[in-house]
Amino acid sequence: MFNQFKHRLQRLPVRITAMILICSLTGMLCSCARDPRDFDGVRFSRTRKITVLADSWTDEATALDVNTSSVAGYIHEKLLEECNIDVEFIGSDKLDVHNGIVADISYTNDYNQLSSFYRMGAVINLSQYLDEYSYALTDLTDYLGGENIRYCSDDPSEIWYLTAKDDCPESRITFIRSDWLDKLGLEKPSNIEEFHNCLTAFRDNSELLLGEDASSIIPFFIDSEPNISAKPLFDSCLDTSISDREFFDSGYCRIAQDGYEEGLRILNQWYLEALVPDGFMNIRPSSKESYEPIENGFVGAFCAKCDYLYANGENSHIKALHDACGEEADYVAVNTFADRYGSYTAWQEDYLHEDGTKIFLPSACSDPLACLVYLNWISDPENIESVREHASDDPFTYDRYLLTGREMYVDKDIYGESSYKTARQTADEVEFIHHCNMCVRYGPDVFPYVDTGIDYSALYPDSAKTYLVNVITAGEGEFDDVFNTQYEAYIGSGAEILYLVRDNEWDKVMVRGNRKPD
């Protein structure tokens, strides 16, 4: 259901933002901020009226619309009571610029169009409001992240959109077949040694687990991009104490970072032990070849985001597994790849976010402060939970109103709520290591992505893929020689040049303070 919602959302941007631009440029509505002196930081003394865009789609026959659903009624009542804001929702199917029907708070997924509209003056710069009323917008900044709010440009004085938070954790975790563990009398693994023992037991007991399909067993699944499909393993091998400069210099070619070799050594050993697919290098990510083995019940363990098994409702991977192997076939989420300091970490590269839902105020908006107060209210975790509770019998999905966050829906009838909750909690245990690939933030300063002017499309990612595949498939006793040879070839293919270019750029910007482009 969540992915369906996102798909519907992606169909809106062109039409919506185009109409807003027309409205703004033709002067049909003017932007004139209300007197802010009647605001005490929580509530306005005089009622403010705003309109908010909401997806009007519903998959059920109903007489309700975006304003008459129970969730809309609850939000309207609470906003009036707590903030003295009278909110009206504009359904996406009701927008009519020619008759003056637009929304004060809008959203889009089209970054390029929104960027163009901002340069044309059709979108409000939120920076002054976020600065002046920071004391009253703490829920908004806490929920989205104070630093991330200013990532829409490399100028912190320009904030023309807010990126909605994807409430599904970005970190990848490990899923392992819980029914196989039970059948073999194994405990849920908590470290890499125990995890390896489980994989070995799966391999050695393939006939017991799969019967006539024993030859199809895949104890640990990886695909042709092991740096992603086995990311928790590699992340655990990297040193979290690396400096920003070191990471920036090697950011584009992360696989050359110190510690990565150990992850390759482990996968090479597992490859030789027949614990990973023999032809993993031919399995394309997100293809039928990558998910059908899981759905058919052949995979003992794999790494993915916590919602991987459960998204898409009736079309989810876990539903397909149950259909193929019965309800007892299931996975449990675990964290088994601890770093050298004993923590579970995920390396997160910071960058200017150009994807995801963008929330913005068109220049036609007459009350930016009231709009931000609304966004602040719906970003309060307690209010989010209250809205969720009022959606139990509502055919309208509740997060269409909670614009700052998009949450995955748990279909209890398909796979049970507890399985996803366990996966979610496991992912929340992972600590993000925030270093920079495309930019480095120092206080209000942003280090933009370095455009070297060099075309590496012929080298990346093919050269990296060749490097990884050849090292992981090295023969018994050949790992060191193959690694050294392949590493030198990879570095010489362009990675070293780019490293030096980025190091020079760091020195120019961060050491010498020259922030002007060459």
Protein backbone atom coordinates (compact mmCIF):
# COMPACT_ATOMS: atom_id res chain seq x y z
CA MET A 1 0.00 0.00 0.00
CA PHE A 2 2.83 2.35 0.86
CA ASN A 3 4.47 1.92 -2.53
CA GLN A 4 1.10 2.48 -4.21
CA PHE A 5 0.79 5.72 -2.28
CA LYS A 6 4.26 6.81 -3.38
CA HIS A 7 3.43 5.91 -6.96
CA ARG A 8 0.30 8.05 -6.87
CA LEU A 9 2.27 10.86 -5.31
CA GLN A 10 4.78 10.78 -8.14
CA ARG A 11 2.01 11.41 -10.69
CA LEU A 12 1.09 14.76 -9.12
CA PRO A 13 4.15 17.05 -9.32
CA VAL A 14 4.08 18.33 -12.89
CA ARG A 15 0.42 19.34 -12.87
CA ILE A 16 0.43 20.77 -9.35
CA THR A 17 3.63 22.80 -9.52
CA ALA A 18 2.80 24.10 -12.98
CA MET A 19 -0.54 25.43 -11.77
CA ILE A 20 1.09 27.00 -8.73
CA LEU A 21 3.64 28.71 -10.94
CA ILE A 22 0.93 30.10 -13.20
CA CYS A 23 -1.01 31.33 -10.21
CA SER A 24 2.06 32.96 -8.69
CA LEU A 25 3.29 34.62 -11.86
CA THR A 26 -0.07 35.99 -12.93
CA GLY A 27 -0.67 37.57 -9.58
CA MET A 28 -4.00 35.89 -8.98
CA LEU A 29 -3.09 35.66 -5.32
CA CYS A 30 -0.60 37.81 -3.44
CA SER A 31 1.80 36.79 -0.74
CA CYS A 32 1.41 39.02 2.27
CA ALA A 33 2.44 37.64 5.64
CA ARG A 34 0.03 38.14 8.52
CA ASP A 35 1.01 40.14 11.57
CA PRO A 36 3.06 37.70 13.67
CA ARG A 37 2.62 39.65 16.91
CA ASP A 38 -0.45 37.64 17.93
CA PHE A 39 1.65 34.44 18.11
CA ASP A 40 2.96 33.25 21.50
CA GLY A 41 5.13 30.46 20.15
CA VAL A 42 2.39 27.82 20.23
CA ARG A 43 -0.95 29.44 19.53
CA PHE A 44 -2.27 32.41 17.57
CA SER A 45 -4.65 34.77 19.37
CA ARG A 46 -6.59 35.31 16.17
CA THR A 47 -7.66 32.36 14.03
CA ARG A 48 -5.41 31.72 11.04
CA LYS A 49 -6.78 29.90 8.03
CA ILE A 50 -4.56 27.80 5.76
CA THR A 51 -5.02 25.22 3.03
CA VAL A 52 -2.97 22.03 2.71
CA LEU A 53 -2.61 19.78 -0.31
CA ALA A 54 -3.62 16.15 0.30
CA ASP A 55 -3.70 13.15 -2.00
CA SER A 56 -7.38 12.55 -2.78
CA TRP A 57 -7.00 9.00 -4.07
CA THR A 58 -8.76 6.14 -2.28
CA ASP A 59 -9.03 2.48 -3.21
CA GLU A 60 -12.46 2.06 -1.59
CA ALA A 61 -15.90 3.24 -2.63
CA THR A 62 -16.68 5.96 -0.13
CA ALA A 63 -18.50 9.25 0.16
CA LEU A 64 -15.64 10.68 2.21
CA ASP A 65 -13.16 13.19 0.87
CA VAL A 66 -9.94 14.66 2.23
CA ASN A 67 -11.85 16.98 4.56
CA THR A 68 -14.55 14.60 5.84
CA SER A 69 -12.38 11.62 6.78
CA SER A 70 -12.01 10.94 10.51
CA VAL A 71 -8.31 11.81 10.40
CA ALA A 72 -9.02 15.16 8.73
CA GLY A 73 -11.69 15.91 11.33
CA TYR A 74 -9.33 15.09 14.18
CA ILE A 75 -6.50 17.23 12.79
CA HIS A 76 -8.87 20.13 12.13
CA GLU A 77 -10.24 20.00 15.65
CA LYS A 78 -6.86 19.71 17.39
CA LEU A 79 -5.24 22.45 15.28
CA LEU A 80 -8.02 24.86 16.17
CA GLU A 81 -7.84 23.94 19.84
CA GLU A 82 -4.06 23.95 20.25
CA CYS A 83 -2.83 26.44 17.65
CA ASN A 84 -5.97 28.34 16.58
CA ILE A 85 -5.34 27.33 12.98
CA ASP A 86 -8.32 26.54 10.78
CA VAL A 87 -6.98 24.05 8.26
CA GLU A 88 -8.74 23.06 5.05
CA PHE A 89 -7.41 20.26 2.89
CA ILE A 90 -7.34 20.63 -0.87
CA GLY A 91 -7.69 17.30 -2.62
CA SER A 92 -5.23 16.73 -5.43
CA ASP A 93 -8.17 16.20 -7.79
CA LYS A 94 -9.75 19.55 -6.83
CA LEU A 95 -6.90 21.91 -7.65
CA ASP A 96 -8.18 24.54 -10.06
CA VAL A 97 -5.87 27.48 -10.59
CA HIS A 98 -8.32 29.24 -12.90
CA ASN A 99 -10.84 29.45 -10.06
CA GLY A 100 -8.23 30.28 -7.44
CA ILE A 101 -8.12 26.85 -5.81
CA VAL A 102 -4.53 26.29 -4.72
CA ALA A 103 -2.89 25.08 -1.50
CA ASP A 104 -0.77 27.15 0.89
CA ILE A 105 1.24 24.03 1.72
CA SER A 106 2.09 21.95 -1.33
CA TYR A 107 4.43 19.13 -2.21
CA THR A 108 6.10 17.59 -5.24
CA ASN A 109 8.59 14.89 -6.20
CA ASP A 110 9.98 16.85 -9.15
CA TYR A 111 13.10 18.52 -7.81
CA ASN A 112 14.16 20.08 -11.10
CA GLN A 113 10.84 21.82 -11.69
CA LEU A 114 10.68 23.05 -8.12
CA SER A 115 14.22 24.39 -8.40
CA SER A 116 13.29 26.26 -11.58
CA PHE A 117 10.19 27.71 -9.97
CA TYR A 118 12.20 28.93 -6.99
CA ARG A 119 14.61 30.75 -9.28
CA MET A 120 11.57 32.37 -10.91
CA GLY A 121 10.34 33.64 -7.55
CA ALA A 122 7.30 31.35 -7.39
CA VAL A 123 8.32 29.62 -4.14
CA ILE A 124 8.82 31.22 -0.71
CA ASN A 125 12.24 31.20 0.95
CA LEU A 126 11.60 29.69 4.39
CA SER A 127 14.96 30.58 5.91
CA GLN A 128 13.89 33.82 7.63
CA TYR A 129 10.89 32.13 9.26
CA LEU A 130 12.89 29.11 10.41
CA ASP A 131 15.48 31.43 11.92
CA GLU A 132 13.15 33.94 13.54
CA TYR A 133 10.73 31.35 14.93
CA SER A 134 13.19 28.53 15.64
CA TYR A 135 12.00 28.44 19.27
CA ALA A 136 8.48 27.55 18.08
CA LEU A 137 9.42 25.02 15.39
CA THR A 138 11.49 22.56 17.40
CA ASP A 139 9.32 19.53 16.62
CA LEU A 140 9.72 20.20 12.91
CA THR A 141 13.48 20.64 13.07
CA ASP A 142 13.94 17.70 15.44
CA TYR A 143 11.87 15.40 13.26
CA LEU A 144 13.49 16.33 9.95
CA GLY A 145 16.91 17.05 11.45
CA GLY A 146 18.16 20.58 11.92
CA GLU A 147 21.13 20.03 9.61
CA ASN A 148 19.11 18.31 6.90
CA ILE A 149 16.61 21.12 6.69
CA ARG A 150 19.32 23.35 5.22
CA TYR A 151 20.45 20.83 2.65
CA CYS A 152 18.29 22.13 -0.20
CA SER A 153 21.15 24.33 -1.44
CA ASP A 154 24.74 25.15 -0.60
CA ASP A 155 23.55 28.54 0.67
CA PRO A 156 22.07 28.18 4.19
CA SER A 157 20.10 31.41 3.70
CA GLU A 158 18.03 29.73 0.98
CA ILE A 159 15.53 27.13 2.16
CA TRP A 160 12.84 26.73 -0.45
CA TYR A 161 11.66 23.24 0.39
CA LEU A 162 11.67 20.68 3.19
CA THR A 163 12.37 17.05 2.35
CA ALA A 164 9.87 14.67 3.92
CA LYS A 165 11.42 12.10 6.20
CA ASP A 166 11.27 8.48 5.14
CA ASP A 167 10.42 6.85 8.44
CA CYS A 168 11.76 3.52 7.26
CA PRO A 169 15.38 3.38 8.53
CA GLU A 170 17.97 3.52 5.77
CA SER A 171 20.28 1.02 7.41
CA ARG A 172 20.40 -2.52 6.03
CA ILE A 173 20.02 -5.42 8.41
CA THR A 174 20.23 -9.20 8.10
CA PHE A 175 17.24 -11.51 7.71
CA ILE A 176 17.61 -15.20 8.51
CA ARG A 177 15.09 -18.03 8.16
CA SER A 178 13.63 -18.48 11.62
CA ASP A 179 11.88 -21.75 10.72
CA TRP A 180 15.20 -23.22 9.54
CA LEU A 181 16.81 -22.22 12.83
CA ASP A 182 14.01 -23.95 14.73
CA LYS A 183 14.19 -27.08 12.57
CA LEU A 184 17.94 -27.40 13.16
CA GLY A 185 17.78 -26.45 16.85
CA LEU A 186 19.87 -23.30 16.36
CA GLU A 187 19.70 -20.08 18.33
CA LYS A 188 19.26 -16.75 16.59
CA PRO A 189 22.82 -15.56 15.77
CA SER A 190 24.16 -12.44 17.49
CA ASN A 191 27.64 -12.17 15.95
CA ILE A 192 29.45 -13.08 12.75
CA GLU A 193 30.84 -16.37 14.13
CA GLU A 194 27.38 -17.59 15.12
CA PHE A 195 25.99 -16.35 11.80
CA HIS A 196 28.65 -18.30 9.88
CA ASN A 197 27.82 -21.42 11.89
CA CYS A 198 24.15 -21.04 10.92
CA LEU A 199 25.02 -20.66 7.24
CA THR A 200 27.20 -23.76 7.41
CA ALA A 201 24.39 -25.71 9.07
CA PHE A 202 21.97 -24.64 6.34
CA ARG A 203 24.39 -25.89 3.67
CA ASP A 204 25.06 -29.19 5.42
CA ASN A 205 21.36 -29.87 6.02
CA SER A 206 20.00 -28.78 2.67
CA GLU A 207 18.12 -32.04 2.07
CA LEU A 208 16.37 -31.78 5.42
CA LEU A 209 15.43 -28.17 4.74
CA LEU A 210 14.52 -28.31 1.05
CA GLY A 211 14.08 -31.98 0.17
CA GLU A 212 14.29 -32.51 -3.58
CA ASP A 213 15.23 -28.82 -4.04
CA ALA A 214 18.34 -29.25 -1.88
CA SER A 215 20.67 -28.24 -4.72
CA SER A 216 18.93 -24.85 -4.94
CA ILE A 217 19.86 -23.78 -1.42
CA ILE A 218 21.59 -20.41 -0.97
CA PRO A 219 22.80 -20.06 2.62
CA PHE A 220 23.70 -16.34 2.19
CA PHE A 221 22.43 -14.36 -0.78
CA ILE A 222 24.46 -11.67 -2.55
CA ASP A 223 24.11 -10.26 -6.07
CA SER A 224 26.38 -8.61 -8.61
CA GLU A 225 26.75 -5.56 -6.35
CA PRO A 226 28.02 -7.12 -3.11
CA ASN A 227 29.10 -3.71 -1.82
CA ILE A 228 25.34 -3.06 -1.44
CA SER A 229 23.83 -6.52 -0.95
CA ALA A 230 26.40 -7.26 1.77
CA LYS A 231 26.73 -3.67 3.01
CA PRO A 232 26.39 -4.46 6.75
CA LEU A 233 29.36 -6.81 6.44
CA PHE A 234 31.56 -4.25 4.71
CA ASP A 235 30.41 -1.41 6.98
CA SER A 236 31.49 -3.42 10.01
CA CYS A 237 35.03 -3.64 8.62
CA LEU A 238 35.51 0.13 8.13
CA ASP A 239 37.13 2.25 10.82
CA THR A 240 34.62 4.72 12.23
CA SER A 241 37.45 6.98 13.42
CA ILE A 242 38.38 8.01 9.87
CA SER A 243 38.59 11.78 9.39
CA ASP A 244 36.25 13.78 7.18
CA ARG A 245 39.14 14.59 4.87
CA GLU A 246 40.14 10.97 4.46
CA PHE A 247 36.58 9.96 3.73
CA PHE A 248 36.02 12.84 1.32
CA ASP A 249 39.17 11.98 -0.58
CA SER A 250 38.12 8.34 -1.02
CA GLY A 251 34.39 8.98 -0.99
CA TYR A 252 33.85 8.41 -4.67
CA CYS A 253 35.78 5.13 -4.52
CA ARG A 254 34.67 3.98 -1.07
CA ILE A 255 35.77 0.41 -1.73
CA ALA A 256 39.40 1.55 -1.57
CA GLN A 257 38.93 2.62 2.05
CA ASP A 258 40.99 0.92 4.76
CA GLY A 259 39.19 -2.12 6.16
CA TYR A 260 37.27 -3.01 3.02
CA GLU A 261 39.77 -5.77 2.26
CA GLU A 262 38.63 -7.68 5.35
CA GLY A 263 35.05 -7.77 4.08
CA LEU A 264 36.27 -9.11 0.75
CA ARG A 265 38.33 -11.76 2.53
CA ILE A 266 35.27 -12.97 4.45
CA LEU A 267 33.10 -13.15 1.32
CA ASN A 268 35.88 -14.97 -0.53
CA GLN A 269 36.00 -17.59 2.19
CA TRP A 270 32.21 -17.96 2.15
CA TYR A 271 32.31 -18.25 -1.64
CA LEU A 272 34.84 -21.08 -1.39
CA GLU A 273 32.64 -22.76 1.24
CA ALA A 274 29.62 -22.59 -1.11
CA LEU A 275 27.73 -20.30 1.25
CA VAL A 276 26.96 -17.64 -1.40
CA PRO A 277 25.56 -18.12 -4.93
CA ASP A 278 28.14 -19.52 -7.30
CA GLY A 279 26.93 -17.19 -10.05
CA PHE A 280 26.28 -14.11 -7.90
CA MET A 281 28.10 -11.92 -10.42
CA ASN A 282 25.30 -12.55 -12.93
CA ILE A 283 22.42 -11.68 -10.60
CA ARG A 284 21.15 -8.16 -11.25
CA PRO A 285 19.89 -6.24 -8.18
CA SER A 286 16.10 -5.81 -7.94
CA SER A 287 15.55 -8.32 -10.72
CA LYS A 288 13.51 -11.54 -10.68
CA GLU A 289 16.78 -13.42 -10.24
CA SER A 290 17.39 -11.51 -7.01
CA TYR A 291 14.05 -11.96 -5.27
CA GLU A 292 12.60 -15.20 -6.63
CA PRO A 293 15.04 -17.40 -4.65
CA ILE A 294 13.77 -15.67 -1.49
CA GLU A 295 10.13 -16.03 -2.50
CA ASN A 296 10.66 -19.68 -3.45
CA GLY A 297 12.15 -20.47 -0.05
CA PHE A 298 15.72 -21.23 -1.13
CA VAL A 299 17.57 -18.45 0.75
CA GLY A 300 18.76 -18.87 4.33
CA ALA A 301 19.85 -15.28 4.95
CA PHE A 302 20.28 -11.95 3.15
CA CYS A 303 20.77 -8.25 3.90
CA ALA A 304 18.21 -5.55 3.06
CA LYS A 305 16.28 -2.60 4.47
CA CYS A 306 13.83 -3.52 7.21
CA ASP A 307 10.77 -3.15 4.96
CA TYR A 308 12.09 -5.27 2.10
CA LEU A 309 10.06 -8.37 2.89
CA TYR A 310 6.90 -6.57 3.90
CA ALA A 311 6.27 -3.72 1.44
CA ASN A 312 3.57 -3.91 -1.27
CA GLY A 313 0.94 -5.82 0.72
CA GLU A 314 -0.49 -8.65 -1.37
CA ASN A 315 2.52 -8.40 -3.67
CA SER A 316 5.11 -8.54 -0.90
CA HIS A 317 8.00 -10.99 -0.88
CA ILE A 318 6.86 -12.47 2.44
CA LYS A 319 3.39 -13.13 1.02
CA ALA A 320 4.98 -14.94 -1.94
CA LEU A 321 7.11 -17.00 0.45
CA HIS A 322 4.05 -18.00 2.47
CA ASP A 323 2.18 -18.94 -0.70
CA ALA A 324 5.08 -21.11 -1.86
CA CYS A 325 6.19 -22.69 1.42
CA GLY A 326 3.41 -22.21 3.94
CA GLU A 327 2.81 -19.81 6.80
CA GLU A 328 5.53 -21.40 8.94
CA ALA A 329 8.22 -20.18 6.51
CA ASP A 330 9.46 -16.91 7.94
CA TYR A 331 12.46 -14.67 8.52
CA VAL A 332 13.67 -12.94 11.65
CA ALA A 333 15.79 -9.79 11.59
CA VAL A 334 19.20 -9.81 13.28
CA ASN A 335 22.30 -7.65 13.60
CA THR A 336 25.35 -9.89 13.37
CA PHE A 337 28.04 -7.68 11.86
CA ALA A 338 29.53 -5.62 14.69
CA ASP A 339 32.38 -3.20 13.94
CA ARG A 340 35.78 -3.29 15.65
CA TYR A 341 34.37 -1.30 18.56
CA GLY A 342 31.45 -3.65 19.16
CA SER A 343 28.74 -1.40 17.67
CA TYR A 344 26.44 -1.94 14.72
CA THR A 345 27.14 0.87 12.29
CA ALA A 346 26.02 1.96 8.84
CA TRP A 347 28.00 4.39 6.75
CA GLN A 348 25.76 7.17 5.51
CA GLU A 349 27.09 9.59 2.93
CA ASP A 350 25.72 13.12 3.21
CA TYR A 351 24.57 14.88 0.07
CA LEU A 352 22.19 17.49 -1.25
CA HIS A 353 18.88 15.65 -1.35
CA GLU A 354 17.28 15.82 -4.76
CA ASP A 355 14.99 12.84 -4.33
CA GLY A 356 11.96 12.27 -2.14
CA THR A 357 8.90 14.37 -1.41
CA LYS A 358 9.52 18.13 -1.27
CA ILE A 359 7.23 20.30 0.84
CA PHE A 360 7.08 23.95 -0.19
CA LEU A 361 5.02 27.12 0.12
CA PRO A 362 4.12 28.78 -3.20
CA SER A 363 4.46 32.54 -3.35
CA ALA A 364 0.65 32.67 -3.35
CA CYS A 365 0.71 31.54 0.30
CA SER A 366 -0.56 34.39 2.50
CA ASP A 367 0.51 33.01 5.89
CA PRO A 368 3.90 31.21 5.87
CA LEU A 369 4.21 31.26 9.66
CA ALA A 370 0.87 29.49 10.21
CA CYS A 371 1.87 26.92 7.58
CA LEU A 372 5.13 26.20 9.38
CA VAL A 373 3.28 25.91 12.69
CA TYR A 374 1.04 23.31 11.03
CA LEU A 375 4.08 21.39 9.79
CA ASN A 376 5.57 21.63 13.26
CA TRP A 377 2.39 20.21 14.83
CA ILE A 378 2.24 17.21 12.50
CA SER A 379 5.94 16.51 13.19
CA ASP A 380 5.40 16.02 16.92
CA PRO A 381 5.79 12.27 17.62
CA GLU A 382 2.85 12.33 20.04
CA ASN A 383 0.62 13.98 17.43
CA ILE A 384 1.75 11.49 14.80
CA GLU A 385 0.73 8.64 17.07
CA SER A 386 -2.60 10.30 17.87
CA VAL A 387 -3.36 10.74 14.18
CA ARG A 388 -2.45 7.11 13.57
CA GLU A 389 -4.86 6.00 16.30
CA HIS A 390 -7.70 7.92 14.67
CA ALA A 391 -7.14 6.15 11.35
CA SER A 392 -8.22 2.64 12.37
CA ASP A 393 -11.59 2.80 10.58
CA ASP A 394 -10.67 5.45 8.04
CA PRO A 395 -10.46 4.41 4.38
CA PHE A 396 -8.12 7.35 3.80
CA THR A 397 -4.47 6.64 4.57
CA TYR A 398 -3.46 8.88 7.41
CA ASP A 399 0.02 9.86 6.23
CA ARG A 400 -1.43 11.90 3.36
CA TYR A 401 -1.94 14.55 6.05
CA LEU A 402 1.42 14.01 7.78
CA LEU A 403 3.42 15.58 4.99
CA THR A 404 6.75 15.68 6.81
CA GLY A 405 6.91 11.90 7.19
CA ARG A 406 6.04 8.94 5.01
CA GLU A 407 5.50 5.66 6.84
CA MET A 408 5.12 2.13 5.60
CA TYR A 409 1.83 0.42 6.29
CA VAL A 410 1.83 -2.92 8.05
CA ASP A 411 -0.75 -5.32 6.66
CA LYS A 412 -1.42 -7.51 9.68
CA ASP A 413 -3.58 -9.92 7.69
CA ILE A 414 -0.71 -10.83 5.38
CA TYR A 415 2.30 -11.33 7.61
CA GLY A 416 1.57 -10.09 11.11
CA GLU A 417 2.60 -6.83 12.66
CA SER A 418 5.25 -8.30 14.99
CA SER A 419 7.60 -9.44 12.19
CA TYR A 420 7.94 -5.98 10.74
CA LYS A 421 8.20 -4.38 14.17
CA THR A 422 11.10 -6.69 15.02
CA ALA A 423 12.83 -5.76 11.76
CA ARG A 424 12.20 -2.08 12.41
CA GLN A 425 13.60 -2.28 15.94
CA THR A 426 16.65 -4.16 14.66
CA ALA A 427 17.31 -1.45 12.08
CA ASP A 428 16.93 1.25 14.73
CA GLU A 429 19.79 -0.35 16.68
CA VAL A 430 22.21 0.55 13.90
CA GLU A 431 24.17 3.77 14.39
CA PHE A 432 24.81 5.92 11.34
CA ILE A 433 28.34 7.06 10.63
CA HIS A 434 27.85 10.38 8.88
CA HIS A 435 30.77 11.21 6.67
CA CYS A 436 30.59 13.00 3.39
CA ASN A 437 30.66 11.85 -0.16
CA MET A 438 29.14 14.75 -2.04
CA CYS A 439 29.48 17.47 0.56
CA VAL A 440 30.99 18.22 3.94
CA ARG A 441 29.18 20.41 6.45
CA TYR A 442 31.00 22.63 8.90
CA GLY A 443 28.46 24.72 10.77
CA PRO A 444 26.69 26.85 8.16
CA ASP A 445 29.12 25.90 5.39
CA VAL A 446 28.50 23.28 2.74
CA PHE A 447 31.22 21.78 0.61
CA PRO A 448 29.55 21.13 -2.76
CA TYR A 449 30.10 18.04 -4.83
CA VAL A 450 33.37 18.22 -6.74
CA ASP A 451 32.80 18.27 -10.49
CA THR A 452 36.16 17.13 -11.83
CA GLY A 453 35.19 17.56 -15.46
CA ILE A 454 36.48 14.04 -16.09
CA ASP A 455 34.21 11.44 -17.64
CA TYR A 456 34.51 8.31 -15.53
CA SER A 457 31.41 6.68 -16.96
CA ALA A 458 33.60 4.19 -18.82
CA LEU A 459 35.36 3.23 -15.58
CA TYR A 460 32.69 3.29 -12.89
CA PRO A 461 31.02 1.18 -11.74
CA ASP A 462 32.27 -1.53 -14.13
CA SER A 463 35.86 -1.31 -12.91
CA ALA A 464 34.64 -1.60 -9.32
CA LYS A 465 32.42 -4.57 -10.20
CA THR A 466 35.32 -6.34 -11.92
CA TYR A 467 37.53 -5.69 -8.91
CA LEU A 468 35.00 -7.04 -6.40
CA VAL A 469 33.99 -10.11 -8.40
CA ASN A 470 37.56 -11.17 -9.16
CA VAL A 471 38.62 -10.83 -5.53
CA ILE A 472 35.59 -12.60 -4.05
CA THR A 473 35.99 -15.52 -6.49
CA ALA A 474 39.75 -15.93 -5.93
CA GLY A 475 40.81 -19.57 -5.62
CA GLU A 476 41.92 -21.30 -2.44
CA GLY A 477 45.13 -19.67 -1.14
CA GLU A 478 45.10 -17.03 -3.90
CA PHE A 479 43.28 -14.21 -2.13
CA ASP A 480 46.29 -12.01 -1.29
CA ASP A 481 47.80 -12.18 -4.78
CA VAL A 482 44.47 -11.60 -6.51
CA PHE A 483 43.54 -8.78 -4.16
CA ASN A 484 46.84 -6.94 -4.69
CA THR A 485 46.64 -7.30 -8.46
CA GLN A 486 43.00 -6.26 -8.71
CA TYR A 487 43.43 -3.40 -6.26
CA GLU A 488 46.29 -1.91 -8.23
CA ALA A 489 44.29 -2.26 -11.46
CA TYR A 490 41.29 -0.57 -9.86
CA ILE A 491 43.32 2.30 -8.43
CA GLY A 492 45.12 2.77 -11.73
CA SER A 493 41.88 2.83 -13.71
CA GLY A 494 41.06 6.29 -12.42
CA ALA A 495 40.37 6.01 -8.69
CA GLU A 496 43.77 7.45 -7.72
CA ILE A 497 43.38 10.43 -10.03
CA LEU A 498 39.99 11.23 -8.58
CA TYR A 499 41.38 10.83 -5.05
CA LEU A 500 44.05 13.45 -5.78
CA VAL A 501 41.56 15.81 -7.40
CA ARG A 502 39.27 15.64 -4.38
CA ASP A 503 42.19 16.09 -1.96
CA ASN A 504 43.25 19.21 -3.83
CA GLU A 505 39.67 20.51 -3.72
CA TRP A 506 39.52 19.92 0.04
CA ASP A 507 42.77 21.82 0.51
CA LYS A 508 41.50 24.71 -1.60
CA VAL A 509 38.13 25.01 0.12
CA MET A 510 38.64 23.85 3.70
CA VAL A 511 42.28 24.81 4.27
CA ARG A 512 42.77 27.91 2.15
CA GLY A 513 39.14 29.03 2.47
CA ASN A 514 38.62 29.56 -1.24
CA ARG A 515 34.96 28.71 -1.78
CA LYS A 516 34.74 30.06 -5.30
CA PRO A 517 34.56 27.50 -8.11
CA ASP A 518 37.53 27.33 -10.44
